[in-house]
Amino acid sequence: MPNNNDYDVRAEMLEALLAKVGEERFPSSTMLNWIEELLTPEDVPVYVELLLERVRSENFPSIPMMARIKRLA
């Protein structure tokens, strides 16, 4: 395990959650809420693109998912 001074728990948790959301067809609102709590301004484009990919791939995209994107715009 890395030295505690070099280990960014926030960034590691965010990366793990983003990977999970990328794998799940219907990610839980809890995971999405946690991601949004962990985001920095630099992370927002990566997250929004992940959500947009999901919206683009569905014939009937999730209204709550689109609302999340709108809030981040």
C-alpha atoms as a PDB file:
ATOM      1  CA  MET A   1       0.000   0.000   0.000  1.00  0.00           C
ATOM      2  CA  PRO A   2       1.316   3.485  -0.809  1.00  0.00           C
ATOM      3  CA  ASN A   3       2.565   5.842   1.850  1.00  0.00           C
ATOM      4  CA  ASN A   4      -0.417   7.578   3.498  1.00  0.00           C
ATOM      5  CA  ASN A   5       1.009  10.963   2.508  1.00  0.00           C
ATOM      6  CA  ASP A   6       0.910   9.962  -1.169  1.00  0.00           C
ATOM      7  CA  TYR A   7      -2.446   8.194  -1.167  1.00  0.00           C
ATOM      8  CA  ASP A   8      -5.420  10.274  -2.306  1.00  0.00           C
ATOM      9  CA  VAL A   9      -8.429   8.432  -0.910  1.00  0.00           C
ATOM     10  CA  ARG A  10     -10.880  10.788  -2.645  1.00  0.00           C
ATOM     11  CA  ALA A  11      -9.314  10.238  -6.069  1.00  0.00           C
ATOM     12  CA  GLU A  12      -9.054   6.466  -5.585  1.00  0.00           C
ATOM     13  CA  MET A  13     -12.670   6.165  -4.461  1.00  0.00           C
ATOM     14  CA  LEU A  14     -13.835   8.355  -7.337  1.00  0.00           C
ATOM     15  CA  GLU A  15     -11.894   6.248  -9.852  1.00  0.00           C
ATOM     16  CA  ALA A  16     -13.377   3.027  -8.446  1.00  0.00           C
ATOM     17  CA  LEU A  17     -16.920   4.399  -8.564  1.00  0.00           C
ATOM     18  CA  LEU A  18     -16.525   5.770 -12.091  1.00  0.00           C
ATOM     19  CA  ALA A  19     -15.302   2.357 -13.241  1.00  0.00           C
ATOM     20  CA  LYS A  20     -18.317   0.688 -11.623  1.00  0.00           C
ATOM     21  CA  VAL A  21     -20.737   3.146 -13.221  1.00  0.00           C
ATOM     22  CA  GLY A  22     -19.084   2.511 -16.575  1.00  0.00           C
ATOM     23  CA  GLU A  23     -19.780  -1.223 -16.190  1.00  0.00           C
ATOM     24  CA  GLU A  24     -23.350  -1.017 -14.890  1.00  0.00           C
ATOM     25  CA  ARG A  25     -26.293  -0.612 -17.230  1.00  0.00           C
ATOM     26  CA  PHE A  26     -28.350   0.959 -14.447  1.00  0.00           C
ATOM     27  CA  PRO A  27     -25.975   2.476 -11.887  1.00  0.00           C
ATOM     28  CA  SER A  28     -27.463   3.144  -8.492  1.00  0.00           C
ATOM     29  CA  SER A  29     -28.413   6.652  -7.504  1.00  0.00           C
ATOM     30  CA  THR A  30     -26.348   6.156  -4.349  1.00  0.00           C
ATOM     31  CA  MET A  31     -23.170   5.571  -6.383  1.00  0.00           C
ATOM     32  CA  LEU A  32     -23.944   8.574  -8.586  1.00  0.00           C
ATOM     33  CA  ASN A  33     -24.564  10.734  -5.509  1.00  0.00           C
ATOM     34  CA  TRP A  34     -21.247   9.654  -3.994  1.00  0.00           C
ATOM     35  CA  ILE A  35     -19.433  10.418  -7.234  1.00  0.00           C
ATOM     36  CA  GLU A  36     -20.949  13.886  -7.313  1.00  0.00           C
ATOM     37  CA  GLU A  37     -19.837  14.498  -3.731  1.00  0.00           C
ATOM     38  CA  LEU A  38     -16.262  13.500  -4.647  1.00  0.00           C
ATOM     39  CA  LEU A  39     -15.986  15.470  -7.907  1.00  0.00           C
ATOM     40  CA  THR A  40     -13.555  18.321  -8.327  1.00  0.00           C
ATOM     41  CA  PRO A  41     -14.046  20.779 -11.196  1.00  0.00           C
ATOM     42  CA  GLU A  42     -11.392  18.871 -13.159  1.00  0.00           C
ATOM     43  CA  ASP A  43     -13.340  15.608 -12.769  1.00  0.00           C
ATOM     44  CA  VAL A  44     -16.676  16.947 -14.032  1.00  0.00           C
ATOM     45  CA  PRO A  45     -16.017  16.501 -17.799  1.00  0.00           C
ATOM     46  CA  VAL A  46     -15.033  12.842 -17.331  1.00  0.00           C
ATOM     47  CA  TYR A  47     -18.161  12.150 -15.296  1.00  0.00           C
ATOM     48  CA  VAL A  48     -20.484  14.043 -17.639  1.00  0.00           C
ATOM     49  CA  GLU A  49     -19.106  12.185 -20.643  1.00  0.00           C
ATOM     50  CA  LEU A  50     -19.721   8.887 -18.858  1.00  0.00           C
ATOM     51  CA  LEU A  51     -23.339   9.897 -18.257  1.00  0.00           C
ATOM     52  CA  LEU A  52     -23.746  11.224 -21.801  1.00  0.00           C
ATOM     53  CA  GLU A  53     -22.514   7.921 -23.224  1.00  0.00           C
ATOM     54  CA  ARG A  54     -25.282   6.220 -21.292  1.00  0.00           C
ATOM     55  CA  VAL A  55     -27.904   8.712 -22.551  1.00  0.00           C
ATOM     56  CA  ARG A  56     -26.712   8.374 -26.155  1.00  0.00           C
ATOM     57  CA  SER A  57     -26.862   4.574 -26.043  1.00  0.00           C
ATOM     58  CA  GLU A  58     -30.456   4.298 -24.828  1.00  0.00           C
ATOM     59  CA  ASN A  59     -33.585   4.658 -26.942  1.00  0.00           C
ATOM     60  CA  PHE A  60     -35.389   5.980 -23.885  1.00  0.00           C
ATOM     61  CA  PRO A  61     -32.741   7.602 -21.680  1.00  0.00           C
ATOM     62  CA  SER A  62     -33.285   7.980 -17.985  1.00  0.00           C
ATOM     63  CA  ILE A  63     -34.876  11.305 -17.042  1.00  0.00           C
ATOM     64  CA  PRO A  64     -33.017  11.346 -13.684  1.00  0.00           C
ATOM     65  CA  MET A  65     -29.733  10.737 -15.555  1.00  0.00           C
ATOM     66  CA  MET A  66     -30.432  13.649 -17.888  1.00  0.00           C
ATOM     67  CA  ALA A  67     -31.358  15.808 -14.889  1.00  0.00           C
ATOM     68  CA  ARG A  68     -27.955  15.031 -13.323  1.00  0.00           C
ATOM     69  CA  ILE A  69     -26.226  16.144 -16.514  1.00  0.00           C
ATOM     70  CA  LYS A  70     -28.303  19.324 -16.601  1.00  0.00           C
ATOM     71  CA  ARG A  71     -27.368  20.158 -12.990  1.00  0.00           C
ATOM     72  CA  LEU A  72     -23.676  19.830 -13.870  1.00  0.00           C
ATOM     73  CA  ALA A  73     -23.981  22.024 -16.982  1.00  0.00           C
END
